[in-house]
Amino acid sequence: MFGGVDSFSVRRQHFSPLITYFTHHMAEPKSERVLNLLGDDYARQILAYLTKEPMLVEELREQCDCSESTIYDRLDQLHSMGLVSEDLQIDPQGHHRKQYETILNSINVTFHDGIYEVQLEIKEDPLDRFARMWNGMRRN
């Protein structure tokens, strides 16, 4: 690794117009995982397509022109890092399918003084924010 990670932060954009941003510092290994994942063509394509509208795996597979297992793998990684959200959809026949949406607005990598800083801007609705804060309080 060149230099080091000075800090890795997530900036969450709230849907409420009264709340703007806050920064949450994360452990260094996550920054390396995010950067490695964003180096993957399929992960970047998925994030780009999901900025237009929420999509199902089948729709993403058609857009990205790759196997369904590749889409599931990248979505699993993107979701575990908090870059996409998933919503369970039930069609009129009772079939369950997940619809995905990107919650990543932007990523900024800054290089200075022999180190680099990674900052993600994440959309967050008020209920998610409350749940995250509540879980944080319960751990302490």
Protein backbone atom coordinates (compact mmCIF):
# COMPACT_ATOMS: atom_id res chain seq x y z
CA MET A 1 0.00 0.00 0.00
CA PHE A 2 1.36 3.44 -0.92
CA GLY A 3 1.41 5.95 1.89
CA GLY A 4 -1.56 5.18 4.05
CA VAL A 5 -5.13 6.02 4.68
CA ASP A 6 -5.33 9.19 6.73
CA SER A 7 -9.05 8.77 7.19
CA PHE A 8 -12.05 7.14 5.61
CA SER A 9 -15.35 8.81 6.12
CA VAL A 10 -18.91 8.51 5.03
CA ARG A 11 -20.93 11.64 4.51
CA ARG A 12 -24.64 10.93 4.66
CA GLN A 13 -27.12 13.17 2.88
CA HIS A 14 -30.44 13.20 4.64
CA PHE A 15 -33.71 13.54 2.80
CA SER A 16 -34.91 16.15 5.31
CA PRO A 17 -34.05 19.66 4.09
CA LEU A 18 -33.25 20.70 7.68
CA ILE A 19 -30.45 18.17 8.12
CA THR A 20 -27.49 18.46 5.79
CA TYR A 21 -24.44 16.24 6.35
CA PHE A 22 -22.45 14.49 9.00
CA THR A 23 -19.20 12.57 8.76
CA HIS A 24 -18.69 9.12 10.23
CA HIS A 25 -15.11 7.78 10.37
CA MET A 26 -14.63 4.13 9.52
CA ALA A 27 -11.83 1.62 9.87
CA GLU A 28 -9.08 1.60 7.24
CA PRO A 29 -9.71 -1.89 5.82
CA LYS A 30 -13.14 -0.83 4.59
CA SER A 31 -11.61 1.98 2.52
CA GLU A 32 -9.35 -0.53 0.76
CA ARG A 33 -12.33 -2.82 0.09
CA VAL A 34 -14.41 0.05 -1.32
CA LEU A 35 -11.60 1.21 -3.60
CA ASN A 36 -10.95 -2.34 -4.80
CA LEU A 37 -14.64 -2.92 -5.50
CA LEU A 38 -14.96 0.37 -7.39
CA GLY A 39 -12.05 -0.81 -9.54
CA ASP A 40 -14.35 -3.53 -10.92
CA ASP A 41 -16.11 -2.66 -14.21
CA TYR A 42 -19.34 -4.50 -13.29
CA ALA A 43 -19.60 -2.84 -9.87
CA ARG A 44 -19.21 0.60 -11.47
CA GLN A 45 -21.75 -0.25 -14.19
CA ILE A 46 -24.26 -1.42 -11.58
CA LEU A 47 -23.85 1.76 -9.54
CA ALA A 48 -24.21 3.89 -12.68
CA TYR A 49 -27.39 2.13 -13.87
CA LEU A 50 -28.91 2.31 -10.39
CA THR A 51 -28.55 6.10 -10.39
CA LYS A 52 -31.24 6.26 -13.08
CA GLU A 53 -33.84 4.14 -11.25
CA PRO A 54 -34.17 1.17 -8.87
CA MET A 55 -33.71 -2.11 -10.75
CA LEU A 56 -34.14 -5.87 -10.39
CA VAL A 57 -31.28 -8.32 -10.93
CA GLU A 58 -32.74 -9.36 -14.30
CA GLU A 59 -32.77 -5.75 -15.50
CA LEU A 60 -29.19 -5.19 -14.36
CA ARG A 61 -28.06 -8.41 -16.05
CA GLU A 62 -29.47 -7.18 -19.37
CA GLN A 63 -27.90 -3.73 -19.00
CA CYS A 64 -24.47 -5.00 -17.90
CA ASP A 65 -24.43 -7.97 -20.32
CA CYS A 66 -23.05 -10.46 -17.80
CA SER A 67 -24.21 -13.50 -15.86
CA GLU A 68 -26.81 -13.32 -13.12
CA SER A 69 -24.31 -14.77 -10.63
CA THR A 70 -21.90 -11.89 -11.38
CA ILE A 71 -24.68 -9.37 -10.72
CA TYR A 72 -25.65 -11.09 -7.45
CA ASP A 73 -22.00 -11.19 -6.36
CA ARG A 74 -21.40 -7.48 -7.03
CA LEU A 75 -24.73 -6.46 -5.48
CA ASP A 76 -23.90 -8.48 -2.37
CA GLN A 77 -20.56 -6.70 -2.07
CA LEU A 78 -22.05 -3.27 -2.78
CA HIS A 79 -24.84 -3.86 -0.26
CA SER A 80 -22.49 -5.15 2.46
CA MET A 81 -20.43 -1.95 2.12
CA GLY A 82 -23.54 0.23 2.32
CA LEU A 83 -23.37 1.54 -1.26
CA VAL A 84 -26.73 0.14 -2.44
CA SER A 85 -30.01 -0.53 -0.70
CA GLU A 86 -32.38 -3.39 -1.39
CA ASP A 87 -36.16 -3.47 -1.20
CA LEU A 88 -38.22 -6.67 -1.30
CA GLN A 89 -40.89 -6.51 -4.03
CA ILE A 90 -43.86 -8.89 -4.18
CA ASP A 91 -45.59 -9.19 -7.55
CA PRO A 92 -49.32 -10.01 -7.97
CA GLN A 93 -48.50 -13.74 -8.29
CA GLY A 94 -46.78 -13.65 -4.89
CA HIS A 95 -43.18 -13.95 -6.19
CA HIS A 96 -40.55 -12.21 -4.08
CA ARG A 97 -37.82 -10.21 -5.80
CA LYS A 98 -35.33 -7.66 -4.55
CA GLN A 99 -35.10 -4.28 -6.17
CA TYR A 100 -31.82 -2.39 -5.76
CA GLU A 101 -31.04 1.31 -5.62
CA THR A 102 -27.75 3.13 -5.24
CA ILE A 103 -27.36 5.26 -2.15
CA LEU A 104 -23.87 6.43 -3.11
CA ASN A 105 -23.91 10.02 -4.34
CA SER A 106 -20.18 10.47 -4.81
CA ILE A 107 -16.72 9.33 -3.83
CA ASN A 108 -13.79 11.65 -3.32
CA VAL A 109 -10.18 10.51 -2.99
CA THR A 110 -7.75 13.21 -1.89
CA PHE A 111 -3.96 12.83 -1.93
CA HIS A 112 -1.78 15.04 0.29
CA ASP A 113 1.38 14.84 2.42
CA GLY A 114 2.11 11.23 1.39
CA ILE A 115 -1.32 9.92 2.40
CA TYR A 116 -4.76 9.67 0.89
CA GLU A 117 -8.26 10.21 2.21
CA VAL A 118 -11.41 8.50 0.93
CA GLN A 119 -14.77 10.14 1.48
CA LEU A 120 -18.14 8.74 0.39
CA GLU A 121 -21.33 10.78 0.19
CA ILE A 122 -24.26 8.51 1.01
CA LYS A 123 -28.01 9.25 0.81
CA GLU A 124 -29.81 8.34 4.00
CA ASP A 125 -33.49 8.60 4.86
CA PRO A 126 -34.57 9.60 8.38
CA LEU A 127 -35.67 6.08 9.40
CA ASP A 128 -32.31 4.58 8.42
CA ARG A 129 -30.54 7.35 10.31
CA PHE A 130 -32.63 6.70 13.44
CA ALA A 131 -32.00 2.93 13.25
CA ARG A 132 -28.24 3.45 12.84
CA MET A 133 -28.13 5.89 15.78
CA TRP A 134 -30.26 3.57 17.94
CA ASN A 135 -28.02 0.59 17.19
CA GLY A 136 -24.99 2.71 18.04
CA MET A 137 -26.48 3.68 21.41
CA ARG A 138 -27.37 0.06 22.20
CA ARG A 139 -23.77 -1.05 21.60
CA ASN A 140 -22.42 1.53 24.08
